[in-house]
Protein backbone atom coordinates (compact mmCIF):
# COMPACT_ATOMS: atom_id res chain seq x y z
CA UNK A 1 0.00 0.00 0.00
CA UNK A 2 1.18 3.52 -0.82
CA UNK A 3 0.00 6.74 0.80
CA UNK A 4 -0.44 10.38 -0.13
CA UNK A 5 0.51 12.17 3.07
CA UNK A 6 0.25 15.67 4.48
CA UNK A 7 3.06 16.58 6.89
CA UNK A 8 2.91 19.91 8.71
CA UNK A 9 5.89 21.82 10.05
CA UNK A 10 4.83 23.08 13.48
CA UNK A 11 1.60 24.93 12.73
CA UNK A 12 3.01 26.30 9.49
CA UNK A 13 3.80 24.92 6.04
CA UNK A 14 2.39 21.61 4.81
CA UNK A 15 4.10 19.08 2.55
CA UNK A 16 2.09 16.88 0.22
CA UNK A 17 4.04 13.76 -0.67
CA UNK A 18 3.95 10.04 -1.40
CA UNK A 19 5.42 7.21 0.67
CA UNK A 20 4.92 3.53 1.35
CA UNK A 21 5.51 4.34 5.03
CA UNK A 22 4.66 7.94 6.00
CA UNK A 23 5.85 7.42 9.59
CA UNK A 24 9.37 6.50 8.42
CA UNK A 25 9.29 9.40 5.94
CA UNK A 26 8.37 11.72 8.83
CA UNK A 27 11.39 10.51 10.83
CA UNK A 28 13.68 11.04 7.81
CA UNK A 29 12.38 14.56 7.31
CA UNK A 30 12.56 15.41 11.01
CA UNK A 31 16.36 15.07 11.02
CA UNK A 32 16.56 18.01 8.60
CA UNK A 33 14.65 20.58 10.66
CA UNK A 34 14.46 21.88 14.21
CA UNK A 35 10.69 22.44 13.93
CA UNK A 36 8.44 19.59 14.98
CA UNK A 37 6.85 17.78 12.03
CA UNK A 38 3.63 15.81 12.26
CA UNK A 39 1.47 13.79 9.91
CA UNK A 40 -1.89 15.51 9.71
CA UNK A 41 -3.48 13.12 7.19
CA UNK A 42 -2.64 10.16 5.00
CA UNK A 43 -4.70 8.47 2.33
CA UNK A 44 -4.06 4.88 1.16
CA UNK A 45 -3.83 3.91 -2.50
CA UNK A 46 -3.61 0.45 -4.03
CA UNK A 47 -0.40 1.27 -5.90
CA UNK A 48 2.27 3.94 -6.36
CA UNK A 49 0.93 5.06 -9.75
CA UNK A 50 -2.45 5.99 -8.27
CA UNK A 51 -0.78 7.75 -5.33
CA UNK A 52 1.57 9.77 -7.55
CA UNK A 53 -1.33 10.72 -9.83
CA UNK A 54 -3.28 12.03 -6.83
CA UNK A 55 -0.23 13.87 -5.49
CA UNK A 56 0.23 15.55 -8.87
CA UNK A 57 -3.46 16.50 -9.00
CA UNK A 58 -3.24 18.05 -5.51
CA UNK A 59 -0.04 19.94 -6.40
CA UNK A 60 -1.74 21.40 -9.48
CA UNK A 61 -5.02 22.19 -7.73
CA UNK A 62 -3.33 23.97 -4.82
CA UNK A 63 -0.45 25.53 -6.78
CA UNK A 64 -1.65 29.00 -5.72
CA UNK A 65 -0.61 28.08 -2.14
CA UNK A 66 2.82 26.61 -3.02
CA UNK A 67 5.82 28.07 -1.20
CA UNK A 68 8.67 25.86 -2.49
CA UNK A 69 8.83 22.39 -3.99
CA UNK A 70 6.15 20.22 -2.37
CA UNK A 71 5.51 22.66 0.50
CA UNK A 72 2.34 24.72 0.72
CA UNK A 73 1.13 27.61 2.87
CA UNK A 74 -0.77 26.78 6.05
CA UNK A 75 -3.92 28.06 4.35
CA UNK A 76 -3.97 24.70 2.53
CA UNK A 77 -5.61 23.28 5.68
CA UNK A 78 -8.49 25.72 5.34
CA UNK A 79 -8.97 24.95 1.67
CA UNK A 80 -8.86 21.19 2.30
CA UNK A 81 -11.55 21.59 4.98
CA UNK A 82 -13.85 23.84 2.94
CA UNK A 83 -16.29 23.17 0.16
CA UNK A 84 -17.63 19.95 -1.23
CA UNK A 85 -14.31 18.07 -1.08
CA UNK A 86 -13.80 18.42 2.68
CA UNK A 87 -10.70 16.23 2.76
CA UNK A 88 -9.54 17.22 6.25
CA UNK A 89 -11.60 18.13 9.32
CA UNK A 90 -10.90 18.91 12.97
CA UNK A 91 -9.20 22.09 14.11
CA UNK A 92 -6.13 23.85 12.72
CA UNK A 93 -4.07 22.52 15.64
CA UNK A 94 -5.58 19.03 15.48
CA UNK A 95 -6.67 18.25 11.91
CA UNK A 96 -8.02 14.80 11.09
CA UNK A 97 -8.73 12.90 7.90
CA UNK A 98 -12.47 12.86 7.23
CA UNK A 99 -12.88 11.86 3.61
CA UNK A 100 -11.48 9.95 0.71
CA UNK A 101 -9.68 11.79 -2.06
C-alpha atoms as a PDB file:
ATOM      1  CA  UNK A   1       0.000   0.000   0.000  1.00  0.00           C
ATOM      2  CA  UNK A   2       1.184   3.523  -0.820  1.00  0.00           C
ATOM      3  CA  UNK A   3      -0.004   6.743   0.797  1.00  0.00           C
ATOM      4  CA  UNK A   4      -0.440  10.376  -0.135  1.00  0.00           C
ATOM      5  CA  UNK A   5       0.507  12.170   3.067  1.00  0.00           C
ATOM      6  CA  UNK A   6       0.255  15.667   4.484  1.00  0.00           C
ATOM      7  CA  UNK A   7       3.063  16.583   6.894  1.00  0.00           C
ATOM      8  CA  UNK A   8       2.906  19.907   8.712  1.00  0.00           C
ATOM      9  CA  UNK A   9       5.895  21.820  10.050  1.00  0.00           C
ATOM     10  CA  UNK A  10       4.832  23.076  13.481  1.00  0.00           C
ATOM     11  CA  UNK A  11       1.602  24.929  12.732  1.00  0.00           C
ATOM     12  CA  UNK A  12       3.012  26.301   9.486  1.00  0.00           C
ATOM     13  CA  UNK A  13       3.801  24.925   6.040  1.00  0.00           C
ATOM     14  CA  UNK A  14       2.393  21.614   4.814  1.00  0.00           C
ATOM     15  CA  UNK A  15       4.103  19.080   2.549  1.00  0.00           C
ATOM     16  CA  UNK A  16       2.087  16.879   0.224  1.00  0.00           C
ATOM     17  CA  UNK A  17       4.041  13.759  -0.667  1.00  0.00           C
ATOM     18  CA  UNK A  18       3.949  10.039  -1.402  1.00  0.00           C
ATOM     19  CA  UNK A  19       5.421   7.214   0.671  1.00  0.00           C
ATOM     20  CA  UNK A  20       4.918   3.526   1.351  1.00  0.00           C
ATOM     21  CA  UNK A  21       5.510   4.340   5.026  1.00  0.00           C
ATOM     22  CA  UNK A  22       4.661   7.939   6.003  1.00  0.00           C
ATOM     23  CA  UNK A  23       5.854   7.422   9.591  1.00  0.00           C
ATOM     24  CA  UNK A  24       9.371   6.499   8.416  1.00  0.00           C
ATOM     25  CA  UNK A  25       9.289   9.400   5.943  1.00  0.00           C
ATOM     26  CA  UNK A  26       8.373  11.716   8.828  1.00  0.00           C
ATOM     27  CA  UNK A  27      11.391  10.511  10.831  1.00  0.00           C
ATOM     28  CA  UNK A  28      13.679  11.041   7.815  1.00  0.00           C
ATOM     29  CA  UNK A  29      12.379  14.558   7.305  1.00  0.00           C
ATOM     30  CA  UNK A  30      12.561  15.407  11.010  1.00  0.00           C
ATOM     31  CA  UNK A  31      16.356  15.069  11.024  1.00  0.00           C
ATOM     32  CA  UNK A  32      16.562  18.014   8.605  1.00  0.00           C
ATOM     33  CA  UNK A  33      14.651  20.581  10.660  1.00  0.00           C
ATOM     34  CA  UNK A  34      14.459  21.883  14.211  1.00  0.00           C
ATOM     35  CA  UNK A  35      10.691  22.436  13.934  1.00  0.00           C
ATOM     36  CA  UNK A  36       8.438  19.592  14.975  1.00  0.00           C
ATOM     37  CA  UNK A  37       6.855  17.778  12.033  1.00  0.00           C
ATOM     38  CA  UNK A  38       3.626  15.806  12.257  1.00  0.00           C
ATOM     39  CA  UNK A  39       1.466  13.788   9.914  1.00  0.00           C
ATOM     40  CA  UNK A  40      -1.895  15.509   9.715  1.00  0.00           C
ATOM     41  CA  UNK A  41      -3.475  13.122   7.189  1.00  0.00           C
ATOM     42  CA  UNK A  42      -2.637  10.156   5.003  1.00  0.00           C
ATOM     43  CA  UNK A  43      -4.704   8.465   2.327  1.00  0.00           C
ATOM     44  CA  UNK A  44      -4.059   4.878   1.161  1.00  0.00           C
ATOM     45  CA  UNK A  45      -3.834   3.908  -2.498  1.00  0.00           C
ATOM     46  CA  UNK A  46      -3.605   0.447  -4.028  1.00  0.00           C
ATOM     47  CA  UNK A  47      -0.399   1.268  -5.897  1.00  0.00           C
ATOM     48  CA  UNK A  48       2.272   3.938  -6.358  1.00  0.00           C
ATOM     49  CA  UNK A  49       0.934   5.057  -9.747  1.00  0.00           C
ATOM     50  CA  UNK A  50      -2.445   5.992  -8.272  1.00  0.00           C
ATOM     51  CA  UNK A  51      -0.778   7.746  -5.328  1.00  0.00           C
ATOM     52  CA  UNK A  52       1.567   9.771  -7.549  1.00  0.00           C
ATOM     53  CA  UNK A  53      -1.333  10.717  -9.834  1.00  0.00           C
ATOM     54  CA  UNK A  54      -3.285  12.031  -6.830  1.00  0.00           C
ATOM     55  CA  UNK A  55      -0.231  13.867  -5.488  1.00  0.00           C
ATOM     56  CA  UNK A  56       0.234  15.554  -8.873  1.00  0.00           C
ATOM     57  CA  UNK A  57      -3.457  16.496  -8.995  1.00  0.00           C
ATOM     58  CA  UNK A  58      -3.243  18.052  -5.512  1.00  0.00           C
ATOM     59  CA  UNK A  59      -0.044  19.936  -6.399  1.00  0.00           C
ATOM     60  CA  UNK A  60      -1.739  21.400  -9.482  1.00  0.00           C
ATOM     61  CA  UNK A  61      -5.022  22.190  -7.728  1.00  0.00           C
ATOM     62  CA  UNK A  62      -3.334  23.974  -4.819  1.00  0.00           C
ATOM     63  CA  UNK A  63      -0.445  25.525  -6.779  1.00  0.00           C
ATOM     64  CA  UNK A  64      -1.647  29.001  -5.721  1.00  0.00           C
ATOM     65  CA  UNK A  65      -0.606  28.081  -2.145  1.00  0.00           C
ATOM     66  CA  UNK A  66       2.820  26.613  -3.019  1.00  0.00           C
ATOM     67  CA  UNK A  67       5.816  28.070  -1.205  1.00  0.00           C
ATOM     68  CA  UNK A  68       8.669  25.864  -2.492  1.00  0.00           C
ATOM     69  CA  UNK A  69       8.831  22.388  -3.986  1.00  0.00           C
ATOM     70  CA  UNK A  70       6.148  20.222  -2.372  1.00  0.00           C
ATOM     71  CA  UNK A  71       5.508  22.660   0.499  1.00  0.00           C
ATOM     72  CA  UNK A  72       2.335  24.725   0.723  1.00  0.00           C
ATOM     73  CA  UNK A  73       1.126  27.610   2.869  1.00  0.00           C
ATOM     74  CA  UNK A  74      -0.770  26.783   6.045  1.00  0.00           C
ATOM     75  CA  UNK A  75      -3.922  28.055   4.346  1.00  0.00           C
ATOM     76  CA  UNK A  76      -3.968  24.702   2.534  1.00  0.00           C
ATOM     77  CA  UNK A  77      -5.614  23.279   5.678  1.00  0.00           C
ATOM     78  CA  UNK A  78      -8.493  25.724   5.335  1.00  0.00           C
ATOM     79  CA  UNK A  79      -8.971  24.952   1.671  1.00  0.00           C
ATOM     80  CA  UNK A  80      -8.862  21.188   2.302  1.00  0.00           C
ATOM     81  CA  UNK A  81     -11.553  21.587   4.978  1.00  0.00           C
ATOM     82  CA  UNK A  82     -13.853  23.842   2.944  1.00  0.00           C
ATOM     83  CA  UNK A  83     -16.293  23.168   0.164  1.00  0.00           C
ATOM     84  CA  UNK A  84     -17.630  19.953  -1.231  1.00  0.00           C
ATOM     85  CA  UNK A  85     -14.312  18.075  -1.080  1.00  0.00           C
ATOM     86  CA  UNK A  86     -13.795  18.417   2.678  1.00  0.00           C
ATOM     87  CA  UNK A  87     -10.702  16.231   2.755  1.00  0.00           C
ATOM     88  CA  UNK A  88      -9.545  17.218   6.249  1.00  0.00           C
ATOM     89  CA  UNK A  89     -11.604  18.132   9.323  1.00  0.00           C
ATOM     90  CA  UNK A  90     -10.903  18.906  12.968  1.00  0.00           C
ATOM     91  CA  UNK A  91      -9.201  22.093  14.113  1.00  0.00           C
ATOM     92  CA  UNK A  92      -6.133  23.846  12.718  1.00  0.00           C
ATOM     93  CA  UNK A  93      -4.074  22.525  15.642  1.00  0.00           C
ATOM     94  CA  UNK A  94      -5.581  19.034  15.483  1.00  0.00           C
ATOM     95  CA  UNK A  95      -6.667  18.249  11.910  1.00  0.00           C
ATOM     96  CA  UNK A  96      -8.024  14.797  11.094  1.00  0.00           C
ATOM     97  CA  UNK A  97      -8.734  12.898   7.903  1.00  0.00           C
ATOM     98  CA  UNK A  98     -12.473  12.856   7.235  1.00  0.00           C
ATOM     99  CA  UNK A  99     -12.876  11.862   3.608  1.00  0.00           C
ATOM    100  CA  UNK A 100     -11.482   9.946   0.708  1.00  0.00           C
ATOM    101  CA  UNK A 101      -9.684  11.790  -2.065  1.00  0.00           C
END
